[in-house]
C-alpha atoms as a PDB file:
ATOM      1  CA  MET A   1      19.436  19.785 -10.745  1.00  0.00           C
ATOM      2  CA  ARG A   2      22.034  18.828  -8.295  1.00  0.00           C
ATOM      3  CA  VAL A   3      20.860  15.412  -6.787  1.00  0.00           C
ATOM      4  CA  LEU A   4      22.089  13.420  -3.758  1.00  0.00           C
ATOM      5  CA  TYR A   5      21.078   9.861  -4.573  1.00  0.00           C
ATOM      6  CA  ASP A   6      20.647   7.135  -1.875  1.00  0.00           C
ATOM      7  CA  PRO A   7      17.888   4.919  -2.763  1.00  0.00           C
ATOM      8  CA  GLU A   8      18.605   2.167  -0.292  1.00  0.00           C
ATOM      9  CA  PRO A   9      16.635  -0.222   0.441  1.00  0.00           C
ATOM     10  CA  ARG A  10      15.575  -0.020  -3.252  1.00  0.00           C
ATOM     11  CA  THR A  11      18.279  -0.403  -5.873  1.00  0.00           C
ATOM     12  CA  THR A  12      18.809   1.549  -9.010  1.00  0.00           C
ATOM     13  CA  ASP A  13      17.948  -1.427 -11.105  1.00  0.00           C
ATOM     14  CA  ASP A  14      14.679  -1.654  -9.216  1.00  0.00           C
ATOM     15  CA  ILE A  15      13.345   1.761  -9.777  1.00  0.00           C
ATOM     16  CA  PHE A  16      14.736   2.791 -13.065  1.00  0.00           C
ATOM     17  CA  THR A  17      14.342   1.593 -16.741  1.00  0.00           C
ATOM     18  CA  PRO A  18      17.610   1.851 -18.627  1.00  0.00           C
ATOM     19  CA  GLU A  19      16.082   4.762 -20.513  1.00  0.00           C
ATOM     20  CA  ASP A  20      14.998   6.631 -17.389  1.00  0.00           C
ATOM     21  CA  LEU A  21      18.304   6.013 -15.703  1.00  0.00           C
ATOM     22  CA  LYS A  22      20.030   7.419 -18.683  1.00  0.00           C
ATOM     23  CA  ALA A  23      17.788  10.455 -18.602  1.00  0.00           C
ATOM     24  CA  PHE A  24      18.240  10.837 -14.913  1.00  0.00           C
ATOM     25  CA  ARG A  25      22.111  10.910 -15.124  1.00  0.00           C
ATOM     26  CA  SER A  26      22.260  12.943 -18.263  1.00  0.00           C
ATOM     27  CA  ARG A  27      19.893  15.732 -17.124  1.00  0.00           C
ATOM     28  CA  ASN A  28      21.177  16.094 -13.541  1.00  0.00           C
ATOM     29  CA  GLN A  29      24.290  16.371 -11.470  1.00  0.00           C
ATOM     30  CA  VAL A  30      24.096  13.105  -9.566  1.00  0.00           C
ATOM     31  CA  THR A  31      26.101  12.455  -6.510  1.00  0.00           C
ATOM     32  CA  GLU A  32      25.595   8.787  -5.382  1.00  0.00           C
ATOM     33  CA  TRP A  33      26.216   7.267  -1.969  1.00  0.00           C
ATOM     34  CA  GLN A  34      28.250   4.215  -2.540  1.00  0.00           C
ATOM     35  CA  GLY A  35      28.704   2.672   0.928  1.00  0.00           C
ATOM     36  CA  GLU A  36      30.934   5.210   2.598  1.00  0.00           C
ATOM     37  CA  ASP A  37      30.127   6.703   5.938  1.00  0.00           C
ATOM     38  CA  ARG A  38      26.769   8.252   5.608  1.00  0.00           C
ATOM     39  CA  ASP A  39      27.107  11.117   8.074  1.00  0.00           C
ATOM     40  CA  ALA A  40      30.246  12.329   6.502  1.00  0.00           C
ATOM     41  CA  PHE A  41      28.754  11.878   2.924  1.00  0.00           C
ATOM     42  CA  TYR A  42      25.806  13.804   3.838  1.00  0.00           C
ATOM     43  CA  ALA A  43      27.540  16.556   5.595  1.00  0.00           C
ATOM     44  CA  ALA A  44      29.804  17.015   2.429  1.00  0.00           C
ATOM     45  CA  HIS A  45      27.154  16.964  -0.237  1.00  0.00           C
ATOM     46  CA  LEU A  46      23.970  18.248   1.326  1.00  0.00           C
ATOM     47  CA  PRO A  47      25.121  22.005   1.148  1.00  0.00           C
ATOM     48  CA  ARG A  48      24.722  21.801  -2.682  1.00  0.00           C
ATOM     49  CA  THR A  49      21.940  19.537  -2.830  1.00  0.00           C
ATOM     50  CA  GLU A  50      18.635  20.549  -4.543  1.00  0.00           C
ATOM     51  CA  ILE A  51      16.842  17.122  -4.871  1.00  0.00           C
ATOM     52  CA  LEU A  52      17.384  14.377  -2.182  1.00  0.00           C
ATOM     53  CA  ILE A  53      16.427  10.820  -3.226  1.00  0.00           C
ATOM     54  CA  SER A  54      16.729   9.060   0.083  1.00  0.00           C
ATOM     55  CA  GLN A  55      14.844   7.278   2.986  1.00  0.00           C
ATOM     56  CA  GLN A  56      17.641   8.247   5.506  1.00  0.00           C
ATOM     57  CA  PRO A  57      16.805  10.410   8.655  1.00  0.00           C
ATOM     58  CA  MET A  58      16.512  14.184   7.751  1.00  0.00           C
ATOM     59  CA  GLY A  59      16.070  15.848  11.099  1.00  0.00           C
ATOM     60  CA  ALA A  60      16.697  19.507  11.726  1.00  0.00           C
ATOM     61  CA  GLU A  61      20.433  19.306  11.868  1.00  0.00           C
ATOM     62  CA  ARG A  62      20.770  17.678   8.519  1.00  0.00           C
ATOM     63  CA  LEU A  63      18.053  19.799   7.045  1.00  0.00           C
ATOM     64  CA  ALA A  64      20.122  22.908   8.109  1.00  0.00           C
ATOM     65  CA  LEU A  65      22.995  21.638   6.030  1.00  0.00           C
ATOM     66  CA  ALA A  66      20.870  21.832   2.855  1.00  0.00           C
ATOM     67  CA  PRO A  67      19.907  25.409   2.202  1.00  0.00           C
ATOM     68  CA  ALA A  68      19.180  24.797  -1.516  1.00  0.00           C
ATOM     69  CA  LEU A  69      17.030  21.720  -0.915  1.00  0.00           C
ATOM     70  CA  ARG A  70      13.799  21.817  -2.913  1.00  0.00           C
ATOM     71  CA  ALA A  71      12.345  18.167  -2.647  1.00  0.00           C
ATOM     72  CA  ILE A  72      12.873  14.743  -0.800  1.00  0.00           C
ATOM     73  CA  PHE A  73      11.892  11.781  -2.798  1.00  0.00           C
ATOM     74  CA  ASN A  74      11.247   8.702  -0.694  1.00  0.00           C
ATOM     75  CA  VAL A  75      11.449   5.879  -3.330  1.00  0.00           C
ATOM     76  CA  GLU A  76      10.827   3.208  -0.652  1.00  0.00           C
ATOM     77  CA  THR A  77       7.420   4.902  -0.945  1.00  0.00           C
ATOM     78  CA  ASN A  78       6.226   5.429   2.680  1.00  0.00           C
ATOM     79  CA  PHE A  79       6.100   8.588   4.703  1.00  0.00           C
ATOM     80  CA  LEU A  80       8.452   7.594   7.499  1.00  0.00           C
ATOM     81  CA  PRO A  81       8.681   9.343  10.823  1.00  0.00           C
ATOM     82  CA  ASN A  82      12.458  10.146  10.423  1.00  0.00           C
ATOM     83  CA  ILE A  83      11.971  13.604   8.820  1.00  0.00           C
ATOM     84  CA  ASP A  84      11.360  17.046  10.363  1.00  0.00           C
ATOM     85  CA  TYR A  85       8.138  17.494   8.424  1.00  0.00           C
ATOM     86  CA  GLU A  86       7.375  20.905  10.142  1.00  0.00           C
ATOM     87  CA  GLU A  87      10.667  22.308   8.996  1.00  0.00           C
ATOM     88  CA  CYS A  88      10.220  21.115   5.384  1.00  0.00           C
ATOM     89  CA  PHE A  89       6.723  22.623   5.510  1.00  0.00           C
ATOM     90  CA  ARG A  90       8.291  25.857   6.937  1.00  0.00           C
ATOM     91  CA  ARG A  91      10.779  25.982   4.157  1.00  0.00           C
ATOM     92  CA  GLY A  92       8.639  24.846   1.322  1.00  0.00           C
ATOM     93  CA  ILE A  93      10.462  21.479   0.754  1.00  0.00           C
ATOM     94  CA  HIS A  94       8.367  18.987  -0.887  1.00  0.00           C
ATOM     95  CA  VAL A  95       8.424  15.461   0.658  1.00  0.00           C
ATOM     96  CA  LEU A  96       7.224  13.067  -1.945  1.00  0.00           C
ATOM     97  CA  ALA A  97       6.516   9.362  -2.190  1.00  0.00           C
ATOM     98  CA  PRO A  98       5.511   7.518  -5.382  1.00  0.00           C
ATOM     99  CA  GLY A  99       3.377   4.887  -3.576  1.00  0.00           C
ATOM    100  CA  ALA A 100       0.508   5.053  -6.097  1.00  0.00           C
ATOM    101  CA  VAL A 101       2.740   2.851  -8.525  1.00  0.00           C
ATOM    102  CA  PHE A 102       1.465  -0.120  -6.431  1.00  0.00           C
ATOM    103  CA  ALA A 103      -2.351   0.750  -6.713  1.00  0.00           C
ATOM    104  CA  ALA A 104      -3.020  -1.203  -9.839  1.00  0.00           C
ATOM    105  CA  PRO A 105      -1.218  -4.313  -8.942  1.00  0.00           C
ATOM    106  CA  VAL A 106      -2.514  -4.616  -5.584  1.00  0.00           C
ATOM    107  CA  ALA A 107      -5.953  -4.005  -6.894  1.00  0.00           C
ATOM    108  CA  GLU A 108      -5.700  -6.756  -9.406  1.00  0.00           C
ATOM    109  CA  MET A 109      -4.427  -9.220  -6.680  1.00  0.00           C
ATOM    110  CA  ALA A 110      -7.374  -8.249  -4.540  1.00  0.00           C
ATOM    111  CA  LEU A 111      -9.800  -8.932  -7.214  1.00  0.00           C
ATOM    112  CA  GLY A 112      -8.368 -12.164  -8.068  1.00  0.00           C
ATOM    113  CA  MET A 113      -8.210 -13.272  -4.350  1.00  0.00           C
ATOM    114  CA  ALA A 114     -11.882 -12.211  -3.851  1.00  0.00           C
ATOM    115  CA  LEU A 115     -12.850 -14.288  -6.851  1.00  0.00           C
ATOM    116  CA  SER A 116     -10.923 -17.336  -5.353  1.00  0.00           C
ATOM    117  CA  LEU A 117     -12.412 -16.883  -1.861  1.00  0.00           C
ATOM    118  CA  ALA A 118     -16.027 -16.596  -3.592  1.00  0.00           C
ATOM    119  CA  ARG A 119     -15.668 -19.658  -5.657  1.00  0.00           C
ATOM    120  CA  ASN A 120     -13.027 -21.525  -3.672  1.00  0.00           C
ATOM    121  CA  ILE A 121     -10.673 -21.782  -6.579  1.00  0.00           C
ATOM    122  CA  HIS A 122      -7.633 -22.299  -4.287  1.00  0.00           C
ATOM    123  CA  GLY A 123      -9.525 -24.827  -2.123  1.00  0.00           C
ATOM    124  CA  GLN A 124     -10.724 -27.093  -4.901  1.00  0.00           C
ATOM    125  CA  HIS A 125      -7.138 -26.891  -6.583  1.00  0.00           C
ATOM    126  CA  ALA A 126      -5.446 -28.111  -3.434  1.00  0.00           C
ATOM    127  CA  ALA A 127      -8.297 -30.923  -3.110  1.00  0.00           C
ATOM    128  CA  PHE A 128      -7.491 -31.921  -6.782  1.00  0.00           C
ATOM    129  CA  LEU A 129      -3.802 -32.500  -5.797  1.00  0.00           C
ATOM    130  CA  ARG A 130      -4.996 -34.719  -3.072  1.00  0.00           C
ATOM    131  CA  SER A 131      -7.580 -36.559  -5.299  1.00  0.00           C
ATOM    132  CA  GLU A 132     -10.201 -35.190  -3.097  1.00  0.00           C
ATOM    133  CA  GLU A 133     -12.006 -32.777  -5.465  1.00  0.00           C
ATOM    134  CA  LYS A 134     -15.825 -32.292  -5.570  1.00  0.00           C
ATOM    135  CA  TRP A 135     -17.415 -32.055  -8.980  1.00  0.00           C
ATOM    136  CA  LEU A 136     -20.075 -29.834 -10.316  1.00  0.00           C
ATOM    137  CA  PHE A 137     -22.698 -28.591  -7.832  1.00  0.00           C
ATOM    138  CA  GLU A 138     -21.092 -30.593  -4.872  1.00  0.00           C
ATOM    139  CA  GLY A 139     -18.003 -28.451  -5.181  1.00  0.00           C
ATOM    140  CA  ASN A 140     -20.065 -25.290  -5.125  1.00  0.00           C
ATOM    141  CA  ARG A 141     -22.143 -25.508  -2.185  1.00  0.00           C
ATOM    142  CA  GLU A 142     -20.638 -22.484  -0.538  1.00  0.00           C
ATOM    143  CA  SER A 143     -19.820 -20.545  -3.598  1.00  0.00           C
ATOM    144  CA  GLU A 144     -21.257 -17.217  -4.531  1.00  0.00           C
ATOM    145  CA  LEU A 145     -20.800 -14.445  -7.030  1.00  0.00           C
ATOM    146  CA  LEU A 146     -18.945 -11.215  -6.869  1.00  0.00           C
ATOM    147  CA  ALA A 147     -21.216  -9.986  -9.759  1.00  0.00           C
ATOM    148  CA  GLY A 148     -23.916  -8.186  -8.395  1.00  0.00           C
ATOM    149  CA  SER A 149     -22.819  -8.592  -4.810  1.00  0.00           C
ATOM    150  CA  THR A 150     -22.303  -5.914  -2.021  1.00  0.00           C
ATOM    151  CA  VAL A 151     -18.687  -4.614  -1.559  1.00  0.00           C
ATOM    152  CA  GLY A 152     -17.100  -2.503   1.153  1.00  0.00           C
ATOM    153  CA  ILE A 153     -13.834  -0.752   0.737  1.00  0.00           C
ATOM    154  CA  ILE A 154     -12.095   0.433   3.895  1.00  0.00           C
ATOM    155  CA  GLY A 155      -9.672   3.353   2.659  1.00  0.00           C
ATOM    156  CA  PHE A 156     -10.522   5.142  -0.486  1.00  0.00           C
ATOM    157  CA  GLY A 157      -7.068   6.437  -1.506  1.00  0.00           C
ATOM    158  CA  ASP A 158      -4.997   5.138  -4.393  1.00  0.00           C
ATOM    159  CA  LEU A 159      -5.556   1.430  -3.644  1.00  0.00           C
ATOM    160  CA  GLY A 160      -9.218   1.796  -2.886  1.00  0.00           C
ATOM    161  CA  ARG A 161      -9.956   3.770  -6.259  1.00  0.00           C
ATOM    162  CA  ALA A 162      -7.938   1.372  -8.398  1.00  0.00           C
ATOM    163  CA  LEU A 163      -9.978  -1.518  -6.922  1.00  0.00           C
ATOM    164  CA  HIS A 164     -13.262   0.444  -7.531  1.00  0.00           C
ATOM    165  CA  ARG A 165     -12.412   0.871 -11.134  1.00  0.00           C
ATOM    166  CA  LEU A 166     -11.767  -2.867 -11.516  1.00  0.00           C
ATOM    167  CA  LEU A 167     -15.228  -3.685  -9.976  1.00  0.00           C
ATOM    168  CA  ALA A 168     -17.152  -1.642 -12.492  1.00  0.00           C
ATOM    169  CA  PRO A 169     -18.041  -4.536 -14.764  1.00  0.00           C
ATOM    170  CA  PHE A 170     -19.320  -6.654 -11.944  1.00  0.00           C
ATOM    171  CA  GLY A 171     -22.196  -4.420 -11.122  1.00  0.00           C
ATOM    172  CA  CYS A 172     -21.566  -4.484  -7.474  1.00  0.00           C
ATOM    173  CA  ARG A 173     -23.124  -1.968  -4.830  1.00  0.00           C
ATOM    174  CA  VAL A 174     -20.047  -0.331  -3.476  1.00  0.00           C
ATOM    175  CA  GLN A 175     -19.806   1.182  -0.056  1.00  0.00           C
ATOM    176  CA  ALA A 176     -16.612   3.161   1.177  1.00  0.00           C
ATOM    177  CA  HIS A 177     -15.442   4.103   4.621  1.00  0.00           C
ATOM    178  CA  ASP A 178     -12.634   6.746   4.767  1.00  0.00           C
ATOM    179  CA  PRO A 179     -12.737   9.328   7.634  1.00  0.00           C
ATOM    180  CA  TRP A 180     -10.282  11.551   5.705  1.00  0.00           C
ATOM    181  CA  LEU A 181     -12.595  12.158   2.821  1.00  0.00           C
ATOM    182  CA  PRO A 182     -15.977  13.867   2.993  1.00  0.00           C
ATOM    183  CA  ALA A 183     -19.117  12.168   2.088  1.00  0.00           C
ATOM    184  CA  GLY A 184     -19.841  14.249  -0.854  1.00  0.00           C
ATOM    185  CA  HIS A 185     -16.381  13.706  -2.241  1.00  0.00           C
ATOM    186  CA  LEU A 186     -16.815   9.804  -1.975  1.00  0.00           C
ATOM    187  CA  ARG A 187     -20.345  10.142  -3.642  1.00  0.00           C
ATOM    188  CA  ARG A 188     -18.683  12.146  -6.667  1.00  0.00           C
ATOM    189  CA  LEU A 189     -16.188   9.231  -6.956  1.00  0.00           C
ATOM    190  CA  GLY A 190     -19.206   6.770  -7.487  1.00  0.00           C
ATOM    191  CA  VAL A 191     -19.307   5.078  -4.054  1.00  0.00           C
ATOM    192  CA  GLU A 192     -21.643   5.271  -1.179  1.00  0.00           C
ATOM    193  CA  PRO A 193     -20.191   6.693   2.026  1.00  0.00           C
ATOM    194  CA  VAL A 194     -20.925   4.775   5.278  1.00  0.00           C
ATOM    195  CA  ASP A 195     -19.505   4.480   8.861  1.00  0.00           C
ATOM    196  CA  PHE A 196     -17.188   1.732   9.761  1.00  0.00           C
ATOM    197  CA  ASP A 197     -19.787  -0.517  11.366  1.00  0.00           C
ATOM    198  CA  THR A 198     -22.384  -0.253   8.602  1.00  0.00           C
ATOM    199  CA  LEU A 199     -19.593  -1.171   6.161  1.00  0.00           C
ATOM    200  CA  MET A 200     -18.554  -4.188   8.121  1.00  0.00           C
ATOM    201  CA  SER A 201     -22.040  -5.501   8.629  1.00  0.00           C
ATOM    202  CA  GLY A 202     -23.513  -4.547   5.385  1.00  0.00           C
ATOM    203  CA  ASN A 203     -21.253  -6.331   2.726  1.00  0.00           C
ATOM    204  CA  ARG A 204     -20.412  -9.641   1.440  1.00  0.00           C
ATOM    205  CA  PHE A 205     -16.913  -8.594   0.456  1.00  0.00           C
ATOM    206  CA  VAL A 206     -14.854  -6.236   2.643  1.00  0.00           C
ATOM    207  CA  PHE A 207     -11.597  -4.998   1.324  1.00  0.00           C
ATOM    208  CA  VAL A 208      -9.139  -3.384   3.656  1.00  0.00           C
ATOM    209  CA  MET A 209      -7.024  -0.903   1.580  1.00  0.00           C
ATOM    210  CA  ALA A 210      -6.169   1.773   4.134  1.00  0.00           C
ATOM    211  CA  SER A 211      -2.931   3.098   5.063  1.00  0.00           C
ATOM    212  CA  ILE A 212      -2.015   2.538   8.739  1.00  0.00           C
ATOM    213  CA  THR A 213      -2.282   5.523  11.031  1.00  0.00           C
ATOM    214  CA  THR A 214      -2.428   6.417  14.716  1.00  0.00           C
ATOM    215  CA  GLU A 215      -6.314   6.330  14.310  1.00  0.00           C
ATOM    216  CA  ASN A 216      -6.920   2.818  12.635  1.00  0.00           C
ATOM    217  CA  SER A 217      -4.151   0.574  13.771  1.00  0.00           C
ATOM    218  CA  GLY A 218      -5.980  -2.798  14.780  1.00  0.00           C
ATOM    219  CA  MET A 219      -9.348  -1.674  13.705  1.00  0.00           C
ATOM    220  CA  ILE A 220     -10.168  -5.153  12.286  1.00  0.00           C
ATOM    221  CA  ASP A 221     -10.668  -6.550  15.755  1.00  0.00           C
ATOM    222  CA  ALA A 222     -12.973  -9.220  17.299  1.00  0.00           C
ATOM    223  CA  ARG A 223     -15.838  -6.684  17.644  1.00  0.00           C
ATOM    224  CA  ALA A 224     -15.459  -5.544  13.931  1.00  0.00           C
ATOM    225  CA  LEU A 225     -15.411  -9.071  12.807  1.00  0.00           C
ATOM    226  CA  SER A 226     -18.506 -10.066  14.789  1.00  0.00           C
ATOM    227  CA  LEU A 227     -20.478  -7.532  12.775  1.00  0.00           C
ATOM    228  CA  MET A 228     -19.640  -9.391   9.372  1.00  0.00           C
ATOM    229  CA  GLN A 229     -22.416 -11.593   7.826  1.00  0.00           C
ATOM    230  CA  PRO A 230     -21.952 -15.237   8.124  1.00  0.00           C
ATOM    231  CA  GLY A 231     -19.724 -16.605   5.321  1.00  0.00           C
ATOM    232  CA  ALA A 232     -18.787 -12.999   4.301  1.00  0.00           C
ATOM    233  CA  MET A 233     -15.219 -12.395   2.789  1.00  0.00           C
ATOM    234  CA  LEU A 234     -12.348 -10.081   4.330  1.00  0.00           C
ATOM    235  CA  LEU A 235      -9.448  -9.195   2.218  1.00  0.00           C
ATOM    236  CA  LEU A 236      -6.497  -7.568   3.874  1.00  0.00           C
ATOM    237  CA  MET A 237      -4.439  -5.991   1.193  1.00  0.00           C
ATOM    238  CA  SER A 238      -2.695  -2.807   2.675  1.00  0.00           C
ATOM    239  CA  ARG A 239      -0.921  -3.406   5.981  1.00  0.00           C
ATOM    240  CA  ALA A 240      -1.019  -6.104   8.698  1.00  0.00           C
ATOM    241  CA  ALA A 241      -1.295  -3.534  11.421  1.00  0.00           C
ATOM    242  CA  ALA A 242      -5.014  -2.888  10.442  1.00  0.00           C
ATOM    243  CA  ALA A 243      -5.973  -6.254  11.782  1.00  0.00           C
ATOM    244  CA  ASP A 244      -5.814  -8.036  15.213  1.00  0.00           C
ATOM    245  CA  PHE A 245      -4.417 -11.317  13.577  1.00  0.00           C
ATOM    246  CA  PRO A 246      -5.243 -13.673  16.515  1.00  0.00           C
ATOM    247  CA  ALA A 247      -8.975 -12.261  16.331  1.00  0.00           C
ATOM    248  CA  LEU A 248      -8.855 -12.614  12.459  1.00  0.00           C
ATOM    249  CA  CYS A 249      -7.544 -16.151  12.496  1.00  0.00           C
ATOM    250  CA  ALA A 250     -10.076 -17.249  15.220  1.00  0.00           C
ATOM    251  CA  ALA A 251     -13.086 -16.066  13.142  1.00  0.00           C
ATOM    252  CA  ALA A 252     -11.768 -17.807   9.939  1.00  0.00           C
ATOM    253  CA  ALA A 253     -10.949 -20.909  11.960  1.00  0.00           C
ATOM    254  CA  ALA A 254     -14.526 -20.963  13.433  1.00  0.00           C
ATOM    255  CA  GLY A 255     -15.892 -20.851   9.875  1.00  0.00           C
ATOM    256  CA  ARG A 256     -17.599 -17.429  10.583  1.00  0.00           C
ATOM    257  CA  ILE A 257     -15.914 -15.716   7.542  1.00  0.00           C
ATOM    258  CA  ARG A 258     -13.503 -16.344   4.717  1.00  0.00           C
ATOM    259  CA  VAL A 259     -10.254 -14.380   4.747  1.00  0.00           C
ATOM    260  CA  ALA A 260      -7.665 -13.575   2.213  1.00  0.00           C
ATOM    261  CA  THR A 261      -4.454 -11.700   3.225  1.00  0.00           C
ATOM    262  CA  ASP A 262      -1.256 -10.453   1.344  1.00  0.00           C
ATOM    263  CA  VAL A 263       0.359  -9.129   4.587  1.00  0.00           C
ATOM    264  CA  PHE A 264       1.434 -10.443   7.970  1.00  0.00           C
ATOM    265  CA  PRO A 265       2.377  -9.218  11.505  1.00  0.00           C
ATOM    266  CA  VAL A 266       5.915 -10.561  10.968  1.00  0.00           C
ATOM    267  CA  GLU A 267       7.557 -11.060   7.452  1.00  0.00           C
ATOM    268  CA  PRO A 268       8.766 -13.363   6.332  1.00  0.00           C
ATOM    269  CA  LEU A 269       6.246 -15.530   8.290  1.00  0.00           C
ATOM    270  CA  PRO A 270       7.979 -18.062  10.509  1.00  0.00           C
ATOM    271  CA  LYS A 271       7.795 -21.657   9.047  1.00  0.00           C
ATOM    272  CA  ASP A 272       6.147 -22.989  12.303  1.00  0.00           C
ATOM    273  CA  ASP A 273       3.623 -20.028  12.662  1.00  0.00           C
ATOM    274  CA  PRO A 274       0.116 -21.439  13.279  1.00  0.00           C
ATOM    275  CA  ILE A 275      -1.428 -18.816  11.008  1.00  0.00           C
ATOM    276  CA  ARG A 276      -0.230 -21.074   8.223  1.00  0.00           C
ATOM    277  CA  HIS A 277      -2.655 -23.777   9.178  1.00  0.00           C
ATOM    278  CA  THR A 278      -5.770 -21.632   9.751  1.00  0.00           C
ATOM    279  CA  PRO A 279      -8.752 -22.912   7.721  1.00  0.00           C
ATOM    280  CA  ASN A 280     -10.839 -20.605   5.547  1.00  0.00           C
ATOM    281  CA  MET A 281      -7.848 -18.364   4.900  1.00  0.00           C
ATOM    282  CA  LEU A 282      -6.135 -17.708   1.602  1.00  0.00           C
ATOM    283  CA  PHE A 283      -2.564 -16.524   1.808  1.00  0.00           C
ATOM    284  CA  SER A 284      -0.175 -14.511  -0.475  1.00  0.00           C
ATOM    285  CA  PRO A 285       3.397 -13.763   0.780  1.00  0.00           C
ATOM    286  CA  HIS A 286       3.227  -9.872   0.418  1.00  0.00           C
ATOM    287  CA  ARG A 287       3.521 -10.084  -3.400  1.00  0.00           C
ATOM    288  CA  ALA A 288       0.540  -8.026  -4.507  1.00  0.00           C
ATOM    289  CA  GLY A 289       2.312  -4.895  -5.434  1.00  0.00           C
ATOM    290  CA  ALA A 290       5.873  -6.457  -5.940  1.00  0.00           C
ATOM    291  CA  LEU A 291       5.983  -6.368  -9.756  1.00  0.00           C
ATOM    292  CA  SER A 292       8.944  -5.156 -11.680  1.00  0.00           C
ATOM    293  CA  PHE A 293       6.517  -2.976 -13.616  1.00  0.00           C
ATOM    294  CA  ALA A 294       5.330  -1.196 -10.582  1.00  0.00           C
ATOM    295  CA  LEU A 295       9.021  -0.576  -9.229  1.00  0.00           C
ATOM    296  CA  ARG A 296      10.051   0.597 -12.531  1.00  0.00           C
ATOM    297  CA  GLU A 297       7.337   3.077 -12.509  1.00  0.00           C
ATOM    298  CA  ILE A 298       8.882   4.660  -9.278  1.00  0.00           C
ATOM    299  CA  GLY A 299      11.786   6.133 -11.405  1.00  0.00           C
ATOM    300  CA  THR A 300       9.348   7.451 -14.170  1.00  0.00           C
ATOM    301  CA  ARG A 301       7.244   9.347 -11.493  1.00  0.00           C
ATOM    302  CA  VAL A 302      10.240  10.852  -9.806  1.00  0.00           C
ATOM    303  CA  LEU A 303      11.721  12.116 -13.100  1.00  0.00           C
ATOM    304  CA  GLU A 304       8.389  13.562 -13.943  1.00  0.00           C
ATOM    305  CA  ASP A 305       8.185  15.540 -10.804  1.00  0.00           C
ATOM    306  CA  MET A 306      11.879  16.565 -10.868  1.00  0.00           C
ATOM    307  CA  ASP A 307      11.016  18.187 -14.314  1.00  0.00           C
ATOM    308  CA  LEU A 308       8.194  20.073 -12.867  1.00  0.00           C
ATOM    309  CA  ILE A 309      10.042  21.280  -9.893  1.00  0.00           C
ATOM    310  CA  ALA A 310      12.929  22.372 -12.090  1.00  0.00           C
ATOM    311  CA  ARG A 311      10.537  24.517 -13.944  1.00  0.00           C
ATOM    312  CA  ASN A 312       9.009  26.020 -10.690  1.00  0.00           C
ATOM    313  CA  LEU A 313       5.872  24.006 -10.939  1.00  0.00           C
ATOM    314  CA  PRO A 314       4.186  21.825  -8.282  1.00  0.00           C
ATOM    315  CA  PRO A 315       4.913  18.070  -8.533  1.00  0.00           C
ATOM    316  CA  VAL A 316       1.896  15.765  -9.452  1.00  0.00           C
ATOM    317  CA  SER A 317       3.104  12.447 -10.021  1.00  0.00           C
ATOM    318  CA  CYS A 318       4.083  11.430  -6.583  1.00  0.00           C
ATOM    319  CA  ARG A 319       2.022  11.981  -3.419  1.00  0.00           C
ATOM    320  CA  ARG A 320       3.052  15.017  -1.193  1.00  0.00           C
ATOM    321  CA  ALA A 321       3.293  14.873   2.483  1.00  0.00           C
ATOM    322  CA  GLU A 322       0.381  16.786   4.057  1.00  0.00           C
ATOM    323  CA  ARG A 323       1.044  18.844   7.253  1.00  0.00           C
ATOM    324  CA  GLU A 324      -2.303  17.668   8.677  1.00  0.00           C
ATOM    325  CA  THR A 325      -1.910  13.950   8.179  1.00  0.00           C
ATOM    326  CA  VAL A 326       1.626  12.959   7.886  1.00  0.00           C
ATOM    327  CA  ALA A 327       2.464  12.834  11.478  1.00  0.00           C
ATOM    328  CA  MET A 328      -0.364  10.164  11.774  1.00  0.00           C
ATOM    329  CA  MET A 329       1.152   7.837   9.255  1.00  0.00           C
ATOM    330  CA  ARG A 330       2.640   4.532  10.715  1.00  0.00           C
ATOM    331  CA  SER A 331       3.503   2.350   7.875  1.00  0.00           C
ATOM    332  CA  LYS A 332       6.513   0.043   8.390  1.00  0.00           C
ATOM    333  CA  PRO A 333       9.526   0.606   6.206  1.00  0.00           C
ATOM    334  CA  VAL A 334      10.348  -1.961   3.559  1.00  0.00           C
ATOM    335  CA  ASP A 335      12.551  -4.789   4.705  1.00  0.00           C
ATOM    336  CA  ARG A 336      14.503  -6.510   1.980  1.00  0.00           C
ATOM    337  CA  SER A 337      16.036  -9.108   4.240  1.00  0.00           C
END
């Protein structure tokens, strides 16, 4: 396959194991962008390109330069609004993103943070460092079990399903809200489908695992938070844009709920941002999915789907952009700064 390779902001070392990189280069004719003028580089090489690995804009003019193009792989892993998706659909060009590689790492972090919220592991650790720890029952007055509890998952895509698998041994009742999935489909996946308000009000643990779209940005607002049970736990694991952060911090500071978040409105978070000092919040600096294991899986999945495409079979290892939903996606691109 003739490949135009421009993985920025990822690096080759990020996304390929040495073995996968060797296979990638040996099986394909790879032309790699190496810092030259991009417009000239793309104009020169797109006419022969069959596979494009790039997050750069691919509007109608660039796509017209690539008559042999069969697939675009976004190894940054988001479906960005910089592609003429309609033209890709018209021409049968697959637009693919291997974002599912982050599902298991994010789910594990979500589970760990939920246990820490429930048992105040982080709080008592900090108290120990100050010589202010509370022993035995005194240190557990607000603790509760995840086991046998009620759990709500907002968004039942790759992240939500990975979390659901990890919750199985805990014997929780699990509800899910995902307006892009029919109720029967959710039931067949083993969860109880509910509307948004029922999920927010009916569960001790609420996990926000949804991608950001034009429909759900800011859905965790003051009204939604007011529905939560006193002392319930909310874990924001997908994108910061899902939440109204001032309202989230106010609810935590008032002691109404406990909050854990791996994402923030601005990243890195400024050192003087008042969010840092909000009580009843557990913080993680957007590291839930940032594992070398997950990043190296990107290259593996790209190679798997490239092999299928070369054999005129549909790709299965990466997620395909869908005509009906891709225009609604609003995830922010990766920022390595």
